[in-house]
């Protein structure tokens, strides 16, 4: 075991990247999920996440994905009924988020609903095996994160302790919840209809921006998501250049890890929050994935599409928050 004050940054920079390249070489059912979740587990705090939380997230993701998969197969020939049911699901998620913006079940249900809908309606895939694949990748991510804490233990915290921000719920009316659910559903339907490559990420980003009853919290999340994606894109450029130069595998992995370390050092220097670092690294592994699976020019194009898609999702989510903002009455 290697002990150093910089172990926190080393863990989050090295292990998600190694897992990404491992799955790229040996194959996986659902690429990207395990490395991104691994980055989340490694940036929740300076200590490993509770083991029960890993199993609970895996179980919830499996259950929600199984429900969505069964629903999709049952209503495969009835799209109108299917989307009506999805509206009810999104409404229930927004209602739970009104009571608790950090509700784990609501967040995972939004994620699984968007994924299953895109897989079945846009890509035409059989979704019967996806729930098990999601649970397996969640457990792989948890195992990799615990392996990182075991091999590279301790270290200084990569971010200051979170300070509870003032929370002022404003969007608490029934029509607020219904409007938000309708927006998420419309975004999902249109993304599938236009066959957007980033359909899932656009839908999830919009939903996560508008789900909080406090519009300030949703706006802050959108800004952090956009800035983290932009910063991740800049730090991924050298790794994408390695793909352009067609370097060997070891060189590609080495440059990617160095970029991830420099990104972590910069984030720690700027005293970025744990949530911001989560967004930074989970987005970084996605950008690197396109770099190792696309041809030289295609990697830049796909990463550019992702950046523009998130920018569009943030703008759309912000517009929804503005529309829901109550008007100020003036008394003369």
Protein backbone atom coordinates (compact mmCIF):
# COMPACT_ATOMS: atom_id res chain seq x y z
CA UNK A 1 0.00 0.00 0.00
CA UNK A 2 1.28 3.42 -1.01
CA UNK A 3 0.72 6.27 1.44
CA UNK A 4 1.04 9.92 0.45
CA UNK A 5 -0.74 13.20 1.07
CA UNK A 6 -1.77 13.22 -2.59
CA UNK A 7 -3.40 9.81 -2.52
CA UNK A 8 -6.89 11.27 -2.85
CA UNK A 9 -6.07 12.80 -6.24
CA UNK A 10 -4.12 9.71 -7.32
CA UNK A 11 -7.12 7.45 -6.61
CA UNK A 12 -9.66 9.44 -8.56
CA UNK A 13 -7.25 10.11 -11.43
CA UNK A 14 -5.91 6.59 -11.89
CA UNK A 15 -8.53 3.98 -11.09
CA UNK A 16 -11.48 5.17 -13.23
CA UNK A 17 -9.10 5.59 -16.18
CA UNK A 18 -7.60 2.11 -15.70
CA UNK A 19 -11.10 0.61 -15.44
CA UNK A 20 -12.10 2.42 -18.65
CA UNK A 21 -9.15 1.01 -20.60
CA UNK A 22 -9.59 -2.44 -19.01
CA UNK A 23 -13.21 -2.63 -20.18
CA UNK A 24 -12.21 -1.27 -23.59
CA UNK A 25 -9.70 -4.10 -24.04
CA UNK A 26 -11.69 -6.96 -22.50
CA UNK A 27 -15.19 -5.75 -23.37
CA UNK A 28 -18.26 -4.89 -21.33
CA UNK A 29 -22.05 -4.93 -21.69
CA UNK A 30 -22.48 -1.20 -21.06
CA UNK A 31 -19.39 0.93 -21.65
CA UNK A 32 -18.73 4.09 -19.64
CA UNK A 33 -21.09 3.33 -16.75
CA UNK A 34 -18.64 1.57 -14.42
CA UNK A 35 -15.75 4.10 -14.85
CA UNK A 36 -18.13 7.07 -14.37
CA UNK A 37 -19.72 5.54 -11.25
CA UNK A 38 -16.27 4.60 -9.96
CA UNK A 39 -15.27 8.27 -10.22
CA UNK A 40 -18.39 9.19 -8.24
CA UNK A 41 -17.59 6.67 -5.50
CA UNK A 42 -14.02 7.99 -5.24
CA UNK A 43 -15.17 11.60 -4.89
CA UNK A 44 -18.04 11.29 -2.42
CA UNK A 45 -15.70 12.12 0.48
CA UNK A 46 -12.17 11.41 1.71
CA UNK A 47 -13.37 8.02 3.01
CA UNK A 48 -14.74 4.99 1.11
CA UNK A 49 -18.49 5.01 0.57
CA UNK A 50 -20.41 2.70 2.92
CA UNK A 51 -20.57 -0.79 1.48
CA UNK A 52 -24.31 -0.91 2.04
CA UNK A 53 -24.66 2.19 -0.18
CA UNK A 54 -22.94 0.41 -3.07
CA UNK A 55 -25.25 -2.62 -2.81
CA UNK A 56 -28.28 -0.38 -2.29
CA UNK A 57 -27.52 1.67 -5.41
CA UNK A 58 -26.95 -1.54 -7.41
CA UNK A 59 -30.25 -3.01 -6.18
CA UNK A 60 -32.22 0.19 -6.85
CA UNK A 61 -30.73 0.58 -10.32
CA UNK A 62 -31.53 -3.06 -11.13
CA UNK A 63 -35.12 -2.76 -9.86
CA UNK A 64 -35.84 0.51 -11.65
CA UNK A 65 -34.25 -0.69 -14.90
CA UNK A 66 -36.14 -4.00 -14.71
CA UNK A 67 -39.41 -2.11 -14.25
CA UNK A 68 -38.64 0.16 -17.19
CA UNK A 69 -37.51 -2.76 -19.35
CA UNK A 70 -40.66 -4.75 -18.64
CA UNK A 71 -42.77 -1.67 -19.31
CA UNK A 72 -41.01 -0.99 -22.60
CA UNK A 73 -41.43 -4.58 -23.82
CA UNK A 74 -45.08 -4.67 -22.75
CA UNK A 75 -45.96 -1.43 -24.56
CA UNK A 76 -43.59 -1.83 -27.51
CA UNK A 77 -46.46 -1.38 -30.00
CA UNK A 78 -48.27 1.32 -28.03
CA UNK A 79 -45.95 4.35 -27.93
CA UNK A 80 -48.66 6.79 -26.80
CA UNK A 81 -49.53 4.68 -23.76
CA UNK A 82 -45.83 4.11 -23.07
CA UNK A 83 -45.02 7.82 -23.01
CA UNK A 84 -48.08 8.51 -20.84
CA UNK A 85 -46.73 6.04 -18.31
CA UNK A 86 -43.30 7.71 -18.53
CA UNK A 87 -44.98 11.02 -17.70
CA UNK A 88 -46.38 9.43 -14.53
CA UNK A 89 -42.90 8.10 -13.68
CA UNK A 90 -41.27 11.51 -14.18
CA UNK A 91 -44.04 13.18 -12.19
CA UNK A 92 -43.44 10.80 -9.28
CA UNK A 93 -39.68 11.48 -9.45
CA UNK A 94 -40.25 15.25 -9.38
CA UNK A 95 -42.64 14.85 -6.46
CA UNK A 96 -40.03 12.90 -4.48
CA UNK A 97 -37.41 15.53 -5.39
CA UNK A 98 -39.72 18.21 -4.02
CA UNK A 99 -39.64 16.48 -0.64
CA UNK A 100 -35.92 15.64 -0.82
CA UNK A 101 -33.80 17.04 -3.68
CA UNK A 102 -31.08 14.46 -2.92
CA UNK A 103 -33.48 11.51 -3.12
CA UNK A 104 -31.47 8.57 -4.50
CA UNK A 105 -34.45 6.62 -5.84
CA UNK A 106 -35.75 9.58 -7.86
CA UNK A 107 -32.34 10.25 -9.41
CA UNK A 108 -31.66 6.63 -10.34
CA UNK A 109 -35.18 6.21 -11.71
CA UNK A 110 -34.69 9.24 -13.97
CA UNK A 111 -31.39 7.80 -15.19
CA UNK A 112 -32.73 4.30 -15.83
CA UNK A 113 -35.90 5.61 -17.49
CA UNK A 114 -33.93 7.74 -19.94
CA UNK A 115 -31.46 4.93 -20.69
CA UNK A 116 -34.09 2.24 -21.26
CA UNK A 117 -36.25 4.55 -23.41
CA UNK A 118 -33.30 5.48 -25.63
CA UNK A 119 -32.09 1.88 -25.91
CA UNK A 120 -35.51 0.51 -26.83
CA UNK A 121 -37.17 3.34 -28.79
CA UNK A 122 -34.18 4.95 -30.50
CA UNK A 123 -31.61 2.19 -30.89
CA UNK A 124 -34.07 -0.70 -31.14
CA UNK A 125 -32.15 -2.88 -28.69
CA UNK A 126 -33.45 -5.72 -26.57
CA UNK A 127 -33.56 -4.27 -23.05
CA UNK A 128 -34.30 -7.50 -21.20
CA UNK A 129 -30.64 -7.99 -20.23
CA UNK A 130 -29.85 -4.36 -19.43
CA UNK A 131 -30.98 -4.40 -15.74
CA UNK A 132 -28.54 -7.19 -14.89
CA UNK A 133 -25.78 -5.46 -16.86
CA UNK A 134 -26.42 -2.20 -14.98
CA UNK A 135 -26.22 -3.93 -11.61
CA UNK A 136 -23.05 -5.78 -12.61
CA UNK A 137 -21.34 -2.58 -13.74
CA UNK A 138 -22.39 -0.82 -10.54
CA UNK A 139 -20.79 -3.59 -8.48
CA UNK A 140 -17.64 -3.49 -10.64
CA UNK A 141 -17.41 0.25 -10.03
CA UNK A 142 -17.77 -0.29 -6.29
CA UNK A 143 -15.12 -3.02 -6.26
CA UNK A 144 -12.68 -0.83 -8.21
CA UNK A 145 -13.27 2.09 -5.87
CA UNK A 146 -12.63 -0.06 -2.78
CA UNK A 147 -9.54 -1.47 -4.47
CA UNK A 148 -8.34 2.10 -4.95
CA UNK A 149 -8.88 2.92 -1.27
CA UNK A 150 -7.02 -0.28 -0.30
CA UNK A 151 -4.01 0.13 -2.59
CA UNK A 152 -3.75 3.91 -2.24
CA UNK A 153 -5.16 4.67 1.23
CA UNK A 154 -5.45 7.96 3.07
CA UNK A 155 -4.27 11.25 1.68
CA UNK A 156 -5.45 14.79 2.14
CA UNK A 157 -9.09 15.54 1.26
CA UNK A 158 -9.41 16.49 -2.40
CA UNK A 159 -12.05 19.10 -1.56
CA UNK A 160 -13.13 21.10 1.49
CA UNK A 161 -15.93 19.72 3.62
CA UNK A 162 -19.28 20.61 2.07
CA UNK A 163 -21.09 23.52 3.69
CA UNK A 164 -24.90 23.30 3.55
CA UNK A 165 -26.13 25.98 1.19
CA UNK A 166 -29.30 27.94 1.96
CA UNK A 167 -32.25 26.16 0.40
CA UNK A 168 -35.45 28.00 -0.47
CA UNK A 169 -38.07 25.76 -2.11
CA UNK A 170 -40.13 27.79 -4.57
CA UNK A 171 -41.40 25.27 -7.13
CA UNK A 172 -43.68 23.36 -4.76
CA UNK A 173 -47.08 23.58 -6.46
CA UNK A 174 -48.66 20.62 -8.24
CA UNK A 175 -48.53 22.41 -11.57
CA UNK A 176 -44.80 23.00 -11.10
CA UNK A 177 -44.24 19.27 -10.76
CA UNK A 178 -46.49 18.44 -13.72
CA UNK A 179 -44.80 21.07 -15.89
CA UNK A 180 -41.31 19.75 -15.05
CA UNK A 181 -42.35 16.16 -15.79
CA UNK A 182 -43.85 17.26 -19.12
CA UNK A 183 -40.65 19.12 -20.05
CA UNK A 184 -38.46 16.09 -19.36
CA UNK A 185 -40.80 13.86 -21.36
CA UNK A 186 -40.90 16.28 -24.31
CA UNK A 187 -37.09 16.53 -24.32
CA UNK A 188 -36.81 12.74 -24.29
CA UNK A 189 -39.36 12.25 -27.08
CA UNK A 190 -37.77 14.89 -29.31
CA UNK A 191 -34.24 13.61 -28.68
CA UNK A 192 -35.36 10.13 -29.72
CA UNK A 193 -37.32 11.46 -32.73
CA UNK A 194 -34.31 13.42 -34.01
CA UNK A 195 -32.05 10.42 -33.30
CA UNK A 196 -29.60 12.52 -31.29
CA UNK A 197 -26.38 10.76 -30.31
CA UNK A 198 -26.51 12.38 -26.86
CA UNK A 199 -30.21 11.71 -26.19
CA UNK A 200 -29.63 10.15 -22.78
CA UNK A 201 -27.25 12.78 -21.43
CA UNK A 202 -29.42 15.66 -22.65
CA UNK A 203 -32.56 14.25 -21.01
CA UNK A 204 -30.80 13.45 -17.73
CA UNK A 205 -29.08 16.84 -17.58
CA UNK A 206 -32.33 18.75 -18.10
CA UNK A 207 -34.10 16.60 -15.50
CA UNK A 208 -31.38 17.07 -12.88
CA UNK A 209 -31.34 20.83 -13.42
CA UNK A 210 -35.07 21.36 -12.95
CA UNK A 211 -35.91 18.69 -10.37
CA UNK A 212 -34.84 20.75 -7.32
CA UNK A 213 -37.68 22.92 -5.94
CA UNK A 214 -35.07 25.63 -5.34
CA UNK A 215 -34.29 27.15 -8.78
CA UNK A 216 -31.00 28.58 -7.50
CA UNK A 217 -29.74 25.06 -6.74
CA UNK A 218 -30.77 23.83 -10.19
CA UNK A 219 -29.08 26.78 -11.88
CA UNK A 220 -25.88 26.20 -9.90
CA UNK A 221 -25.87 22.54 -10.90
CA UNK A 222 -26.28 23.46 -14.56
CA UNK A 223 -23.41 25.96 -14.46
CA UNK A 224 -21.14 23.49 -12.66
CA UNK A 225 -22.05 20.77 -15.14
CA UNK A 226 -21.23 22.99 -18.10
CA UNK A 227 -17.95 24.29 -16.66
CA UNK A 228 -16.86 20.79 -15.58
CA UNK A 229 -17.55 19.42 -19.07
CA UNK A 230 -15.60 22.28 -20.67
CA UNK A 231 -12.65 21.81 -18.29
CA UNK A 232 -12.70 18.06 -18.84
CA UNK A 233 -12.67 18.62 -22.59
CA UNK A 234 -9.58 20.84 -22.32
CA UNK A 235 -7.71 18.31 -20.18
CA UNK A 236 -8.75 15.47 -22.50
CA UNK A 237 -7.25 17.19 -25.56
CA UNK A 238 -3.70 15.75 -25.09
CA UNK A 239 -5.16 12.25 -24.77
CA UNK A 240 -7.24 12.82 -27.90
CA UNK A 241 -4.07 14.02 -29.63
CA UNK A 242 -2.46 10.66 -28.79
CA UNK A 243 -5.28 9.00 -30.68
CA UNK A 244 -4.71 11.37 -33.60
CA UNK A 245 -1.00 10.46 -33.63
CA UNK A 246 -1.92 6.75 -33.29
CA UNK A 247 0.43 6.14 -30.37
CA UNK A 248 0.68 2.75 -28.70
CA UNK A 249 -1.61 1.59 -25.92
CA UNK A 250 0.82 2.21 -23.04
CA UNK A 251 1.54 5.74 -24.25
CA UNK A 252 -2.16 6.50 -24.55
CA UNK A 253 -2.91 5.26 -21.01
CA UNK A 254 0.07 7.14 -19.57
CA UNK A 255 -0.87 10.47 -21.14
CA UNK A 256 -4.50 10.04 -20.03
CA UNK A 257 -3.47 9.39 -16.41
CA UNK A 258 -1.11 12.39 -16.45
CA UNK A 259 -3.92 14.60 -17.75
CA UNK A 260 -6.26 13.28 -15.07
CA UNK A 261 -3.68 13.98 -12.36
CA UNK A 262 -3.10 17.53 -13.59
CA UNK A 263 -6.85 18.09 -13.72
CA UNK A 264 -7.22 16.89 -10.13
CA UNK A 265 -4.35 19.07 -8.92
CA UNK A 266 -5.89 22.11 -10.60
CA UNK A 267 -9.32 21.36 -9.10
CA UNK A 268 -7.84 20.92 -5.62
CA UNK A 269 -5.88 24.17 -5.99
CA UNK A 270 -9.08 26.00 -6.90
CA UNK A 271 -10.80 24.34 -3.90
CA UNK A 272 -13.51 22.83 -6.05
CA UNK A 273 -16.30 21.03 -4.20
CA UNK A 274 -16.75 17.25 -4.12
CA UNK A 275 -19.78 17.58 -6.42
CA UNK A 276 -17.80 19.60 -8.96
CA UNK A 277 -14.96 17.07 -8.95
CA UNK A 278 -17.51 14.28 -9.42
CA UNK A 279 -18.84 16.01 -12.52
CA UNK A 280 -15.30 16.72 -13.70
CA UNK A 281 -14.05 13.13 -13.61
CA UNK A 282 -17.26 11.37 -14.59
CA UNK A 283 -17.37 13.58 -17.69
CA UNK A 284 -13.63 13.17 -18.32
CA UNK A 285 -13.85 9.38 -18.67
CA UNK A 286 -16.71 9.81 -21.15
CA UNK A 287 -14.59 12.14 -23.27
CA UNK A 288 -11.65 9.72 -23.14
CA UNK A 289 -13.96 6.86 -24.14
CA UNK A 290 -14.81 8.59 -27.40
CA UNK A 291 -11.10 9.14 -27.93
CA UNK A 292 -10.29 5.42 -27.73
CA UNK A 293 -13.32 4.14 -29.64
CA UNK A 294 -13.49 6.65 -32.52
CA UNK A 295 -11.08 7.32 -35.34
CA UNK A 296 -8.69 10.26 -35.13
CA UNK A 297 -11.05 12.98 -36.34
CA UNK A 298 -14.21 11.34 -35.02
CA UNK A 299 -13.03 11.59 -31.41
CA UNK A 300 -12.86 15.39 -31.56
CA UNK A 301 -16.23 15.53 -33.30
CA UNK A 302 -17.96 13.30 -30.74
CA UNK A 303 -16.45 15.16 -27.77
CA UNK A 304 -17.48 18.44 -29.37
CA UNK A 305 -21.04 17.11 -29.79
CA UNK A 306 -21.13 16.14 -26.13
CA UNK A 307 -19.98 19.60 -25.04
CA UNK A 308 -22.56 21.31 -27.26
CA UNK A 309 -25.29 18.89 -26.12
CA UNK A 310 -24.67 19.66 -22.46
CA UNK A 311 -24.55 23.38 -23.24
CA UNK A 312 -27.93 23.10 -24.98
CA UNK A 313 -29.35 21.05 -22.08
CA UNK A 314 -28.16 23.62 -19.53
CA UNK A 315 -29.66 26.48 -21.55
CA UNK A 316 -32.95 24.60 -21.89
CA UNK A 317 -33.06 23.76 -18.19
CA UNK A 318 -32.30 27.37 -17.29
CA UNK A 319 -35.10 28.59 -19.57
CA UNK A 320 -37.52 26.26 -17.81
CA UNK A 321 -36.45 27.64 -14.42
CA UNK A 322 -37.00 31.18 -15.73
CA UNK A 323 -40.49 30.28 -16.97
CA UNK A 324 -41.35 28.87 -13.56
CA UNK A 325 -39.96 31.89 -11.71
CA UNK A 326 -42.80 33.70 -9.93
CA UNK A 327 -43.37 37.27 -11.03
CA UNK A 328 -42.65 40.05 -8.55
CA UNK A 329 -45.67 42.17 -7.80
CA UNK A 330 -45.08 45.88 -7.50
CA UNK A 331 -47.24 48.05 -5.33
CA UNK A 332 -47.28 51.73 -5.97
